[in-house]
Amino acid sequence: MNLNLYQKTAITTVIATLVLIFVGGLVRASGAGLGCPDWPQCFGMWIPPTSAADLPSQYDASLFNPLHTWLEYINRLVGVLIGFLITLTFIFSFKYRKIDPVVTYSSAAAFILVLVQGWLGGQVVRSGLSAGMITIHMVLAVVIVNTLLFASFRAMNEQLAIRLTDHHKRMLLWVSGSVLFLTLVQLVLGTQVREAVDVAKNVEELPREMWLDGMGWLYAVHRSFSWLVIIMGALLVYYNRKFDAPSKLKTLGYVIAGLIILQMFIGLGMEWLNIPGFLQLMHLVSVAVLICAEFLYMLMVGFAQKADDPLTEL
């Protein structure tokens, strides 16, 4: 597949933004969010120290953890890299301003959102890692990566084009839209569970095995709601096979179903193993990838060209 400069840059930026979500999740799971207590500098320096002896005098050496500091610093560096990549994506999108201005508009939207995200990152630090601010920060990252995904898809519509009958298109849009909607609901519920875990961990200072005990209905709803996502994911695979969907769509459907199953097992592992950090990280990153896959599926179906073959009745 031959890609032009914009397409290469946009795809690279999508992947890099997912990497940023991974690094941000690693920072949160490791408790390194305040590894740099100030922003945009780190301990008043543009390059953080490697030992407490190098700290400026106004900082308490007992608060310094070199691992946490450098994890948070790397997170910020990756964020800056994403900012540069999105800026380049926006600049390169001007070649589409006449042939498909939606590419330019969506690239501009991603550029504006990443500026907001940078400002929000500073507010997260200044808030002392407020759970609500962290959640907004994470959700905005998902919005940014899908805005970039939409821009990339519009620029690559010819390479990703498929053909569907009107009937198949309506059914697959309904099913894939339902899967995406349910996943987003699960994401919101999951952020509420995560904030409750943060309270149990950092405010109430409960032992790890008791973090889920006080959640009541919230965790029960989040856990039970996952069955709806699984059922709709299975239905998506079923209709892909029933309608003999194009191979690109079938493959993406299997990826979506696989990611849903992975999310289920990660969730069970978190419950059984008392929420270990590495499973928290996998849970966050895999749901971000899942949402991207579901959104891409909807885009491919929504922009599918009309097939000439007759409709297939249920």
Protein backbone atom coordinates (compact mmCIF):
# COMPACT_ATOMS: atom_id res chain seq x y z
CA MET A 1 0.00 0.00 0.00
CA ASN A 2 1.56 3.27 -1.15
CA LEU A 3 1.02 6.09 1.34
CA ASN A 4 1.65 9.79 0.92
CA LEU A 5 3.39 11.97 3.50
CA TYR A 6 0.19 12.97 5.29
CA GLN A 7 -1.05 9.38 5.53
CA LYS A 8 2.27 8.13 6.90
CA THR A 9 2.45 10.95 9.45
CA ALA A 10 -1.19 10.55 10.54
CA ILE A 11 -0.88 6.79 11.03
CA THR A 12 2.39 7.24 12.93
CA THR A 13 0.67 9.80 15.15
CA VAL A 14 -2.24 7.43 15.88
CA ILE A 15 0.20 4.70 16.94
CA ALA A 16 2.30 7.15 18.96
CA THR A 17 -0.81 8.41 20.77
CA LEU A 18 -1.66 4.84 21.76
CA VAL A 19 1.91 4.53 23.05
CA LEU A 20 1.31 7.69 25.09
CA ILE A 21 -1.82 6.11 26.60
CA PHE A 22 0.34 3.10 27.52
CA VAL A 23 3.02 5.29 29.13
CA GLY A 24 0.37 7.33 30.96
CA GLY A 25 -1.20 4.13 32.23
CA LEU A 26 2.21 2.92 33.37
CA VAL A 27 2.71 6.16 35.28
CA ARG A 28 -0.64 5.81 37.02
CA ALA A 29 -0.32 2.08 37.75
CA SER A 30 3.15 2.60 39.28
CA GLY A 31 2.03 5.59 41.35
CA ALA A 32 4.53 7.86 39.58
CA GLY A 33 2.06 10.64 38.78
CA LEU A 34 3.75 13.06 41.18
CA GLY A 35 7.26 11.91 40.27
CA CYS A 36 7.61 15.49 39.04
CA PRO A 37 5.82 17.69 41.58
CA ASP A 38 5.75 20.77 39.31
CA TRP A 39 4.88 21.50 35.68
CA PRO A 40 6.14 22.06 33.02
CA GLN A 41 9.53 21.66 34.72
CA CYS A 42 10.43 18.73 36.96
CA PHE A 43 11.78 19.73 40.39
CA GLY A 44 12.39 23.15 38.89
CA MET A 45 14.62 21.67 36.17
CA TRP A 46 14.10 20.93 32.48
CA ILE A 47 16.07 17.69 32.85
CA PRO A 48 15.28 16.04 36.19
CA PRO A 49 17.99 14.89 38.61
CA THR A 50 19.03 11.29 39.02
CA SER A 51 19.72 11.49 42.76
CA ALA A 52 18.34 13.37 45.75
CA ALA A 53 21.68 15.15 46.16
CA ASP A 54 21.09 17.02 42.92
CA LEU A 55 17.71 18.43 43.98
CA PRO A 56 17.30 22.21 44.29
CA SER A 57 17.25 23.27 47.93
CA GLN A 58 13.53 24.15 47.98
CA TYR A 59 12.49 20.53 47.42
CA ASP A 60 12.22 17.86 50.10
CA ALA A 61 14.67 15.06 49.30
CA SER A 62 12.41 12.52 51.01
CA LEU A 63 9.82 13.02 48.25
CA PHE A 64 12.28 12.12 45.50
CA ASN A 65 11.95 8.72 43.83
CA PRO A 66 14.22 8.49 40.76
CA LEU A 67 12.13 5.75 39.11
CA HIS A 68 8.89 7.70 39.55
CA THR A 69 10.54 10.94 38.47
CA TRP A 70 11.90 9.55 35.24
CA LEU A 71 8.71 7.63 34.41
CA GLU A 72 6.73 10.86 34.68
CA TYR A 73 9.42 12.76 32.77
CA ILE A 74 9.36 10.20 29.93
CA ASN A 75 5.57 10.49 29.91
CA ARG A 76 5.94 14.23 29.38
CA LEU A 77 8.57 13.77 26.66
CA VAL A 78 6.29 11.37 24.78
CA GLY A 79 3.50 13.93 25.16
CA VAL A 80 5.73 16.61 23.60
CA LEU A 81 6.57 14.21 20.75
CA ILE A 82 2.86 13.64 20.15
CA GLY A 83 2.38 17.40 20.07
CA PHE A 84 5.01 17.75 17.33
CA LEU A 85 3.55 14.84 15.34
CA ILE A 86 0.02 16.25 15.53
CA THR A 87 1.37 19.65 14.46
CA LEU A 88 2.99 18.02 11.43
CA THR A 89 -0.21 16.10 10.71
CA PHE A 90 -2.13 19.37 10.74
CA ILE A 91 0.40 21.11 8.47
CA PHE A 92 0.51 18.22 5.99
CA SER A 93 -3.31 18.09 5.93
CA PHE A 94 -3.47 21.36 3.99
CA LYS A 95 -2.98 19.39 0.78
CA TYR A 96 -6.51 18.06 1.37
CA ARG A 97 -8.16 21.42 2.09
CA LYS A 98 -9.74 21.51 -1.39
CA ILE A 99 -10.17 17.86 -2.31
CA ASP A 100 -11.46 16.78 1.14
CA PRO A 101 -11.54 19.62 3.69
CA VAL A 102 -12.84 17.24 6.37
CA VAL A 103 -9.30 15.83 6.60
CA THR A 104 -7.95 19.31 7.33
CA TYR A 105 -10.76 20.14 9.77
CA SER A 106 -10.34 16.93 11.77
CA SER A 107 -6.54 17.35 11.81
CA ALA A 108 -7.08 20.88 13.11
CA ALA A 109 -9.43 19.53 15.78
CA ALA A 110 -6.75 17.07 16.91
CA PHE A 111 -4.22 19.92 17.03
CA ILE A 112 -6.51 22.01 19.25
CA LEU A 113 -7.33 19.05 21.47
CA VAL A 114 -3.66 18.23 22.04
CA LEU A 115 -3.08 21.82 23.20
CA VAL A 116 -5.95 21.37 25.67
CA GLN A 117 -4.44 18.04 26.71
CA GLY A 118 -1.10 19.68 27.43
CA TRP A 119 -2.78 22.31 29.60
CA LEU A 120 -4.83 19.61 31.31
CA GLY A 121 -1.67 17.66 32.12
CA GLY A 122 -0.45 20.63 34.12
CA GLN A 123 -3.79 20.84 35.95
CA VAL A 124 -3.54 17.16 36.87
CA VAL A 125 -0.19 17.79 38.57
CA ARG A 126 -1.40 20.98 40.25
CA SER A 127 -4.51 19.19 41.54
CA GLY A 128 -2.31 16.66 43.34
CA LEU A 129 -3.51 13.86 41.03
CA SER A 130 -7.24 14.41 41.51
CA ALA A 131 -8.96 11.21 40.36
CA GLY A 132 -11.51 13.15 38.33
CA MET A 133 -8.81 15.16 36.54
CA ILE A 134 -6.86 12.00 35.72
CA THR A 135 -9.99 10.43 34.23
CA ILE A 136 -10.70 13.48 32.06
CA HIS A 137 -7.06 13.44 30.96
CA MET A 138 -7.33 9.79 29.90
CA VAL A 139 -10.70 10.17 28.16
CA LEU A 140 -9.40 13.17 26.19
CA ALA A 141 -6.45 11.05 25.02
CA VAL A 142 -8.95 8.50 23.64
CA VAL A 143 -10.87 11.31 21.92
CA ILE A 144 -7.65 12.63 20.35
CA VAL A 145 -6.54 9.26 19.01
CA ASN A 146 -9.96 8.64 17.44
CA THR A 147 -10.04 12.12 15.92
CA LEU A 148 -6.70 11.31 14.31
CA LEU A 149 -8.04 7.92 13.27
CA PHE A 150 -10.98 9.60 11.53
CA ALA A 151 -8.66 12.00 9.70
CA SER A 152 -6.43 9.09 8.65
CA PHE A 153 -9.41 7.10 7.41
CA ARG A 154 -10.73 10.01 5.33
CA ALA A 155 -7.32 10.42 3.75
CA MET A 156 -7.12 6.67 3.03
CA ASN A 157 -10.72 6.10 2.01
CA GLU A 158 -9.72 4.65 -1.35
CA GLN A 159 -7.31 2.13 0.19
CA LEU A 160 -9.85 1.05 2.81
CA ALA A 161 -12.95 1.15 0.60
CA ILE A 162 -15.31 -1.83 0.68
CA ARG A 163 -18.64 -2.65 -0.96
CA LEU A 164 -21.84 -3.58 0.91
CA THR A 165 -25.50 -3.83 0.06
CA ASP A 166 -27.75 -1.28 1.74
CA HIS A 167 -29.27 -3.98 3.92
CA HIS A 168 -25.92 -5.32 5.09
CA LYS A 169 -24.68 -1.79 5.69
CA ARG A 170 -27.66 -0.92 7.91
CA MET A 171 -27.36 -4.11 9.96
CA LEU A 172 -23.60 -3.90 10.42
CA LEU A 173 -23.82 -0.22 11.36
CA TRP A 174 -26.45 -1.02 13.97
CA VAL A 175 -24.46 -3.88 15.48
CA SER A 176 -21.07 -2.13 15.39
CA GLY A 177 -22.60 1.09 16.73
CA SER A 178 -24.13 -0.87 19.60
CA VAL A 179 -20.77 -2.50 20.40
CA LEU A 180 -19.04 0.89 20.41
CA PHE A 181 -21.75 2.50 22.55
CA LEU A 182 -21.65 -0.32 25.10
CA THR A 183 -17.85 -0.19 25.21
CA LEU A 184 -17.97 3.55 25.88
CA VAL A 185 -20.47 2.95 28.70
CA GLN A 186 -18.09 0.35 30.09
CA LEU A 187 -15.24 2.85 29.82
CA VAL A 188 -17.20 5.39 31.88
CA LEU A 189 -18.14 2.76 34.47
CA GLY A 190 -14.53 1.58 34.55
CA THR A 191 -13.25 5.09 35.23
CA GLN A 192 -15.67 5.35 38.15
CA VAL A 193 -14.42 2.02 39.51
CA ARG A 194 -10.84 3.21 39.10
CA GLU A 195 -11.57 6.44 40.96
CA ALA A 196 -13.15 4.43 43.79
CA VAL A 197 -10.01 2.25 43.89
CA ASP A 198 -7.87 5.40 44.11
CA VAL A 199 -9.95 6.59 47.08
CA ALA A 200 -9.62 3.21 48.83
CA LYS A 201 -5.89 3.17 48.14
CA ASN A 202 -4.81 6.76 48.72
CA VAL A 203 -7.47 8.27 50.99
CA GLU A 204 -8.73 5.40 53.10
CA GLU A 205 -5.34 3.62 52.85
CA LEU A 206 -6.96 0.20 52.74
CA PRO A 207 -4.91 -2.92 51.97
CA ARG A 208 -4.97 -4.05 48.35
CA GLU A 209 -7.29 -7.00 49.01
CA MET A 210 -9.98 -4.63 50.30
CA TRP A 211 -9.98 -2.11 47.42
CA LEU A 212 -13.08 -3.63 45.77
CA ASP A 213 -15.01 -4.42 48.95
CA GLY A 214 -16.66 -1.05 49.47
CA MET A 215 -17.86 -0.40 45.92
CA GLY A 216 -21.28 -2.03 46.20
CA TRP A 217 -23.43 -1.72 43.08
CA LEU A 218 -20.83 0.15 40.99
CA TYR A 219 -18.43 -2.73 40.48
CA ALA A 220 -21.30 -5.23 40.16
CA VAL A 221 -22.84 -3.19 37.33
CA HIS A 222 -19.46 -2.79 35.61
CA ARG A 223 -18.79 -6.52 35.80
CA SER A 224 -22.28 -7.57 34.70
CA PHE A 225 -22.46 -5.00 31.90
CA SER A 226 -19.48 -6.66 30.24
CA TRP A 227 -21.75 -9.54 29.19
CA LEU A 228 -23.68 -7.16 26.93
CA VAL A 229 -20.45 -6.14 25.23
CA ILE A 230 -19.48 -9.80 24.77
CA ILE A 231 -22.88 -10.69 23.30
CA MET A 232 -22.82 -7.79 20.84
CA GLY A 233 -19.23 -8.61 19.87
CA ALA A 234 -20.29 -12.19 19.11
CA LEU A 235 -23.23 -10.84 17.10
CA LEU A 236 -20.82 -8.70 15.08
CA VAL A 237 -18.76 -11.77 14.14
CA TYR A 238 -21.96 -13.69 13.35
CA TYR A 239 -23.23 -11.05 10.90
CA ASN A 240 -19.79 -10.72 9.33
CA ARG A 241 -19.95 -14.42 8.51
CA LYS A 242 -23.66 -14.46 7.63
CA PHE A 243 -23.30 -11.61 5.13
CA ASP A 244 -19.93 -12.85 3.89
CA ALA A 245 -18.48 -9.44 4.62
CA PRO A 246 -15.30 -8.29 2.83
CA SER A 247 -12.14 -9.85 4.27
CA LYS A 248 -10.95 -6.52 5.73
CA LEU A 249 -14.17 -6.23 7.70
CA LYS A 250 -14.13 -9.87 8.81
CA THR A 251 -10.57 -9.54 10.07
CA LEU A 252 -11.38 -6.38 11.97
CA GLY A 253 -14.45 -8.06 13.45
CA TYR A 254 -12.31 -10.92 14.78
CA VAL A 255 -9.85 -8.39 16.23
CA ILE A 256 -12.72 -6.63 18.02
CA ALA A 257 -14.10 -9.89 19.40
CA GLY A 258 -10.63 -10.96 20.53
CA LEU A 259 -10.03 -7.65 22.31
CA ILE A 260 -13.41 -7.92 24.06
CA ILE A 261 -12.54 -11.41 25.32
CA LEU A 262 -9.11 -10.17 26.39
CA GLN A 263 -10.77 -7.35 28.36
CA MET A 264 -13.01 -9.87 30.10
CA PHE A 265 -10.09 -12.06 31.19
CA ILE A 266 -8.04 -9.06 32.30
CA GLY A 267 -11.00 -7.89 34.40
CA LEU A 268 -11.33 -11.32 36.00
CA GLY A 269 -7.59 -11.38 36.66
CA MET A 270 -7.77 -8.00 38.36
CA GLU A 271 -10.52 -9.25 40.65
CA TRP A 272 -8.83 -12.54 41.50
CA LEU A 273 -5.32 -11.09 41.93
CA ASN A 274 -6.32 -7.94 43.89
CA ILE A 275 -5.81 -5.45 41.06
CA PRO A 276 -2.10 -5.78 40.20
CA GLY A 277 -0.62 -2.80 38.42
CA PHE A 278 0.36 -4.60 35.20
CA LEU A 279 -3.24 -5.78 34.68
CA GLN A 280 -4.52 -2.25 35.30
CA LEU A 281 -2.17 -1.10 32.56
CA MET A 282 -3.27 -3.84 30.14
CA HIS A 283 -6.93 -3.08 30.89
CA LEU A 284 -6.48 0.60 30.02
CA VAL A 285 -4.43 0.12 26.86
CA SER A 286 -6.54 -2.71 25.46
CA VAL A 287 -9.79 -0.76 25.87
CA ALA A 288 -8.22 2.20 24.02
CA VAL A 289 -7.20 -0.11 21.16
CA LEU A 290 -10.65 -1.75 21.25
CA ILE A 291 -12.44 1.59 20.88
CA CYS A 292 -10.18 2.49 17.95
CA ALA A 293 -10.91 -0.85 16.26
CA GLU A 294 -14.66 -0.45 16.78
CA PHE A 295 -14.61 3.12 15.47
CA LEU A 296 -12.58 2.08 12.41
CA TYR A 297 -15.08 -0.72 11.74
CA MET A 298 -17.96 1.77 11.83
CA LEU A 299 -16.10 4.11 9.50
CA MET A 300 -15.44 1.34 6.98
CA VAL A 301 -19.10 0.30 7.04
CA GLY A 302 -20.46 3.85 7.07
CA PHE A 303 -18.41 4.90 4.03
CA ALA A 304 -18.84 1.60 2.18
CA GLN A 305 -19.73 1.85 -1.49
CA LYS A 306 -23.04 0.44 -2.62
CA ALA A 307 -22.87 -3.08 -3.96
CA ASP A 308 -24.90 -4.07 -7.00
CA ASP A 309 -25.95 -7.50 -5.76
CA PRO A 310 -29.54 -7.89 -4.42
CA LEU A 311 -30.35 -7.41 -0.77
CA THR A 312 -30.32 -10.42 1.50
CA GLU A 313 -33.41 -10.65 3.69
CA LEU A 314 -33.19 -11.98 7.23
